Amino acid sequence: MTQNAEWQTGSEPAEWTWDEPDPGWHAPCRRLEATGLTSPLDRADLAGIGVTGIQFGSWDGRDPGCLNTDVIGLVDGDTRTEPGQVYRVDGCAYFVRLDARDPLPLADGCVDWAYAEHFIEHLTLAEGIGWLREVRRILAVGGWLRLTTPDLHRYVAGYLDDGADGFFARHRRRLMSLGAKPGDLPERKAFMVNQIFQFHGHKWIYDLDELRHALGAAGFDPDAISVRSFGRSALPHLAALDRAVRNDETMYVDVRRTVTADPRDQ
């Protein structure tokens, strides 16, 4: 896994590593400004800073229309983000440090959309379902969740593919273009399958059926789940958050928060 280099801080890019960042690590940014907003947050709080949605696992997010969140904090010189406080980052986006395994410090129905790219696989299945239940709670009725995650089906198909230029060969080239060295990527099929489970801090890998199970267990309507592709979404601005660097291994799903009642809401 590499740190995202799609925005620049003036520091050198991180070296390639299979490891997830240490939760105590703080990512550098140019400027942090405290907004005075602290959790719990409601719709009026978010509207006051022009935010309509939330993005998870995005310490490096610079989308101005959403509240970026991560367990990883940010640092600007001697200033570090404190959990639960909302910061303006680099003059263009908003961030709050939180742990998505905990109840989300946001009011019911306070956002119109949520986005999580390669995030849910960093949670156990039980944690993932609990997080999805919280996402459903904070989404307004009619709101959308876009969820992307490594596709187990694609990896299994790659294992069974005997072609010389199959998925594993192509994905290996993709990883090397991001900084991996040939020694980091043994040409063994079992290694390529195991790394998606064992490295990066991953805890549960999904195919479509497993993702449908988790979403249904969290209270989402199974009929409101739509399979999408890279750069394609019910809401174009959500698809614009997809990163091309991950599109070869990724499953893309849109889910709408319907009016269907969930007994757990009572």
Protein backbone atom coordinates (compact mmCIF):
# COMPACT_ATOMS: atom_id res chain seq x y z
CA MET A 1 0.00 0.00 0.00
CA THR A 2 1.27 3.50 -0.76
CA GLN A 3 0.27 6.86 0.58
CA ASN A 4 -1.80 8.72 -1.97
CA ALA A 5 0.31 11.16 -3.97
CA GLU A 6 -2.58 12.85 -5.77
CA TRP A 7 -2.02 15.96 -3.66
CA GLN A 8 1.36 17.35 -2.73
CA THR A 9 2.67 18.54 0.64
CA GLY A 10 6.20 19.37 -0.42
CA SER A 11 7.51 16.20 1.26
CA GLU A 12 8.95 13.25 -0.61
CA PRO A 13 6.47 10.51 -1.57
CA ALA A 14 6.31 7.63 0.89
CA GLU A 15 8.24 4.51 -0.04
CA TRP A 16 6.27 1.47 -1.12
CA THR A 17 5.07 -0.70 1.76
CA TRP A 18 2.50 -3.45 2.25
CA ASP A 19 1.78 -2.08 5.73
CA GLU A 20 -1.12 0.08 6.84
CA PRO A 21 -0.01 3.40 8.39
CA ASP A 22 0.43 3.35 12.14
CA PRO A 23 -2.73 4.86 13.74
CA GLY A 24 -0.45 7.20 15.69
CA TRP A 25 1.07 8.59 12.52
CA HIS A 26 -0.07 12.05 11.37
CA ALA A 27 -0.04 12.94 7.69
CA PRO A 28 1.55 16.28 6.80
CA CYS A 29 -0.49 19.10 5.26
CA ARG A 30 0.26 22.71 4.45
CA ARG A 31 -2.24 24.45 6.74
CA LEU A 32 -4.74 23.46 9.42
CA GLU A 33 -7.39 25.91 10.62
CA ALA A 34 -9.76 25.03 13.45
CA THR A 35 -13.36 25.85 12.49
CA GLY A 36 -14.70 25.84 16.03
CA LEU A 37 -17.08 22.99 15.14
CA THR A 38 -16.89 19.94 17.36
CA SER A 39 -18.82 16.69 17.28
CA PRO A 40 -21.57 15.71 17.51
CA LEU A 41 -22.45 17.44 14.24
CA ASP A 42 -25.87 18.00 12.73
CA ARG A 43 -27.12 19.09 9.31
CA ALA A 44 -27.03 22.78 10.22
CA ASP A 45 -23.38 22.48 11.30
CA LEU A 46 -22.45 20.91 7.97
CA ALA A 47 -24.55 23.31 5.91
CA GLY A 48 -22.75 26.19 7.60
CA ILE A 49 -19.47 25.09 6.00
CA GLY A 50 -21.04 24.06 2.68
CA VAL A 51 -20.78 20.31 3.29
CA THR A 52 -23.46 17.86 2.12
CA GLY A 53 -21.67 14.51 2.39
CA ILE A 54 -18.98 12.50 4.13
CA GLN A 55 -15.98 10.49 2.95
CA PHE A 56 -14.38 7.73 5.02
CA GLY A 57 -10.74 6.69 5.17
CA SER A 58 -9.70 9.91 3.47
CA TRP A 59 -6.98 11.70 5.42
CA ASP A 60 -5.68 12.75 2.00
CA GLY A 61 -9.09 13.82 0.66
CA ARG A 62 -9.33 17.30 -0.76
CA ASP A 63 -12.94 17.31 -1.95
CA PRO A 64 -14.44 20.63 -0.77
CA GLY A 65 -18.05 19.43 -0.70
CA CYS A 66 -17.63 16.74 1.92
CA LEU A 67 -16.38 16.12 5.41
CA ASN A 68 -13.26 13.95 5.05
CA THR A 69 -12.67 11.54 7.92
CA ASP A 70 -10.02 9.05 9.02
CA VAL A 71 -8.52 7.47 12.11
CA ILE A 72 -5.23 8.90 10.77
CA GLY A 73 -4.72 12.51 11.85
CA LEU A 74 -3.14 15.48 10.09
CA VAL A 75 -0.29 17.72 11.19
CA ASP A 76 0.71 21.26 10.20
CA GLY A 77 4.01 22.04 11.89
CA ASP A 78 3.23 21.74 15.59
CA THR A 79 -0.56 21.68 15.13
CA ARG A 80 -2.21 18.27 15.10
CA THR A 81 -5.84 17.40 14.54
CA GLU A 82 -7.70 16.51 17.71
CA PRO A 83 -10.43 13.83 17.49
CA GLY A 84 -13.92 15.25 17.07
CA GLN A 85 -12.83 18.74 15.97
CA VAL A 86 -13.47 19.94 12.42
CA TYR A 87 -10.56 21.54 10.58
CA ARG A 88 -10.19 23.42 7.34
CA VAL A 89 -7.31 21.78 5.47
CA ASP A 90 -5.06 23.62 3.01
CA GLY A 91 -7.82 26.18 2.52
CA CYS A 92 -9.91 23.84 0.40
CA ALA A 93 -11.49 20.98 2.37
CA TYR A 94 -12.77 19.89 5.78
CA PHE A 95 -11.55 17.05 7.99
CA VAL A 96 -12.47 15.43 11.28
CA ARG A 97 -10.48 12.66 12.89
CA LEU A 98 -12.65 9.76 14.03
CA ASP A 99 -12.61 6.00 14.39
CA ALA A 100 -15.38 4.53 12.23
CA ARG A 101 -15.57 1.47 14.49
CA ASP A 102 -17.22 3.75 17.05
CA PRO A 103 -20.70 5.29 16.73
CA LEU A 104 -20.44 8.14 14.25
CA PRO A 105 -20.66 11.54 15.98
CA LEU A 106 -23.25 12.85 13.51
CA ALA A 107 -27.01 13.34 13.74
CA ASP A 108 -29.57 11.12 12.02
CA GLY A 109 -30.15 12.02 8.37
CA CYS A 110 -27.56 14.79 8.35
CA VAL A 111 -25.81 13.98 5.03
CA ASP A 112 -27.07 13.41 1.50
CA TRP A 113 -24.27 11.09 0.45
CA ALA A 114 -21.38 9.03 1.75
CA TYR A 115 -18.33 7.66 -0.02
CA ALA A 116 -15.80 5.02 1.02
CA GLU A 117 -13.04 3.82 -1.31
CA HIS A 118 -11.07 0.75 -0.22
CA PHE A 119 -12.17 1.24 3.36
CA ILE A 120 -14.57 -1.48 4.49
CA GLU A 121 -11.95 -4.22 3.98
CA HIS A 122 -9.97 -2.65 6.85
CA LEU A 123 -12.76 -3.63 9.26
CA THR A 124 -13.82 -7.06 10.46
CA LEU A 125 -17.16 -8.28 9.11
CA ALA A 126 -18.92 -7.36 12.36
CA GLU A 127 -17.24 -3.95 12.43
CA GLY A 128 -18.12 -3.41 8.78
CA ILE A 129 -21.79 -4.16 9.36
CA GLY A 130 -21.82 -1.89 12.40
CA TRP A 131 -20.23 0.92 10.37
CA LEU A 132 -22.70 0.45 7.51
CA ARG A 133 -25.58 0.61 10.01
CA GLU A 134 -24.23 3.94 11.23
CA VAL A 135 -23.81 5.21 7.66
CA ARG A 136 -27.42 4.31 6.94
CA ARG A 137 -28.48 6.21 10.07
CA ILE A 138 -26.72 9.45 9.12
CA LEU A 139 -27.89 9.33 5.49
CA ALA A 140 -31.04 11.28 4.67
CA VAL A 141 -33.85 9.27 3.11
CA GLY A 142 -33.06 9.13 -0.61
CA GLY A 143 -29.35 9.63 0.08
CA TRP A 144 -26.62 7.57 -1.57
CA LEU A 145 -23.67 5.54 -0.39
CA ARG A 146 -20.92 4.71 -2.91
CA LEU A 147 -18.79 1.83 -1.73
CA THR A 148 -15.69 0.46 -3.45
CA THR A 149 -13.53 -2.44 -2.29
CA PRO A 150 -11.17 -5.08 -3.72
CA ASP A 151 -13.20 -7.72 -5.57
CA LEU A 152 -12.57 -11.25 -4.27
CA HIS A 153 -14.15 -12.71 -7.40
CA ARG A 154 -11.54 -10.96 -9.54
CA TYR A 155 -8.72 -12.39 -7.43
CA VAL A 156 -10.12 -15.92 -7.51
CA ALA A 157 -10.60 -15.69 -11.27
CA GLY A 158 -6.99 -14.48 -11.50
CA TYR A 159 -5.81 -17.51 -9.55
CA LEU A 160 -7.63 -19.84 -11.96
CA ASP A 161 -6.45 -18.01 -15.07
CA ASP A 162 -3.58 -19.82 -16.81
CA GLY A 163 -2.96 -17.00 -19.28
CA ALA A 164 0.45 -15.37 -19.40
CA ASP A 165 -1.06 -11.88 -19.23
CA GLY A 166 -3.96 -12.41 -16.86
CA PHE A 167 -5.17 -10.27 -13.99
CA PHE A 168 -2.25 -11.07 -11.67
CA ALA A 169 0.36 -10.10 -14.28
CA ARG A 170 -1.46 -6.87 -15.07
CA HIS A 171 -2.01 -6.04 -11.39
CA ARG A 172 1.67 -6.73 -10.64
CA ARG A 173 2.62 -4.18 -13.30
CA ARG A 174 0.16 -1.70 -11.77
CA LEU A 175 1.73 -2.11 -8.33
CA MET A 176 5.24 -1.68 -9.72
CA SER A 177 4.14 1.54 -11.41
CA LEU A 178 3.23 2.74 -7.90
CA GLY A 179 6.65 2.00 -6.48
CA ALA A 180 6.70 -1.72 -5.68
CA LYS A 181 9.89 -3.57 -6.60
CA PRO A 182 9.94 -6.99 -8.32
CA GLY A 183 11.11 -8.50 -5.03
CA ASP A 184 7.94 -7.25 -3.35
CA LEU A 185 5.80 -9.18 -5.82
CA PRO A 186 6.68 -12.87 -6.13
CA GLU A 187 5.16 -14.43 -9.24
CA ARG A 188 3.26 -16.99 -7.21
CA LYS A 189 -0.51 -17.13 -7.48
CA ALA A 190 -0.96 -18.05 -3.82
CA PHE A 191 1.02 -14.96 -2.81
CA MET A 192 -1.21 -12.71 -4.92
CA VAL A 193 -4.32 -14.15 -3.28
CA ASN A 194 -2.91 -14.10 0.25
CA GLN A 195 -1.67 -10.50 0.08
CA ILE A 196 -5.18 -9.17 -0.38
CA PHE A 197 -6.17 -10.85 2.91
CA GLN A 198 -2.97 -10.50 4.94
CA PHE A 199 -1.40 -7.17 3.96
CA HIS A 200 -2.48 -3.50 3.97
CA GLY A 201 -4.27 -3.95 7.31
CA HIS A 202 -7.10 -5.80 5.55
CA LYS A 203 -9.49 -7.85 7.71
CA TRP A 204 -12.34 -9.02 5.45
CA ILE A 205 -12.49 -9.30 1.65
CA TYR A 206 -15.78 -9.18 -0.25
CA ASP A 207 -17.35 -10.50 -3.37
CA LEU A 208 -20.70 -9.06 -4.44
CA ASP A 209 -22.76 -11.59 -2.48
CA GLU A 210 -20.80 -10.91 0.71
CA LEU A 211 -21.17 -7.16 0.26
CA ARG A 212 -24.91 -7.56 -0.28
CA HIS A 213 -25.05 -9.60 2.92
CA ALA A 214 -23.28 -6.89 4.93
CA LEU A 215 -25.45 -4.12 3.49
CA GLY A 216 -28.64 -6.09 4.14
CA ALA A 217 -27.55 -6.91 7.71
CA ALA A 218 -27.01 -3.18 8.24
CA GLY A 219 -30.57 -2.40 7.19
CA PHE A 220 -30.12 -1.30 3.58
CA ASP A 221 -32.76 -2.44 1.12
CA PRO A 222 -31.24 -5.19 -1.11
CA ASP A 223 -33.29 -3.87 -4.04
CA ALA A 224 -31.58 -0.48 -3.67
CA ILE A 225 -28.08 -1.90 -4.32
CA SER A 226 -26.69 -1.19 -7.81
CA VAL A 227 -23.46 -2.57 -9.25
CA ARG A 228 -21.52 0.16 -11.03
CA SER A 229 -18.10 0.58 -12.64
CA PHE A 230 -15.17 2.93 -12.34
CA GLY A 231 -16.29 6.51 -12.94
CA ARG A 232 -19.97 5.57 -13.19
CA SER A 233 -22.45 6.36 -10.44
CA ALA A 234 -26.00 7.48 -9.81
CA LEU A 235 -24.37 10.72 -8.66
CA PRO A 236 -21.60 11.83 -11.03
CA HIS A 237 -19.78 13.79 -8.34
CA LEU A 238 -19.39 10.57 -6.34
CA ALA A 239 -17.90 8.75 -9.32
CA ALA A 240 -15.46 11.64 -9.68
CA LEU A 241 -13.94 10.58 -6.35
CA ASP A 242 -12.92 7.18 -7.76
CA ARG A 243 -9.15 6.86 -8.16
CA ALA A 244 -7.96 5.30 -11.40
CA VAL A 245 -4.95 3.82 -9.62
CA ARG A 246 -7.27 1.21 -8.05
CA ASN A 247 -9.71 0.45 -10.84
CA ASP A 248 -8.19 -2.86 -11.98
CA GLU A 249 -9.00 -4.73 -8.74
CA THR A 250 -12.10 -2.87 -7.54
CA MET A 251 -15.81 -3.60 -7.18
CA TYR A 252 -18.06 -0.50 -7.30
CA VAL A 253 -21.50 -0.36 -5.67
CA ASP A 254 -24.09 2.39 -5.19
CA VAL A 255 -26.72 2.00 -2.47
CA ARG A 256 -29.69 4.25 -1.87
CA ARG A 257 -31.13 4.91 1.58
CA THR A 258 -34.77 4.08 0.96
CA VAL A 259 -37.79 4.78 3.12
CA THR A 260 -38.03 1.10 4.01
CA ALA A 261 -38.21 0.83 7.77
CA ASP A 262 -35.62 -1.18 9.66
CA PRO A 263 -36.82 -2.69 12.98
CA ARG A 264 -33.55 -1.56 14.55
CA ASP A 265 -34.61 2.06 13.94
CA GLN A 266 -37.53 1.67 16.35
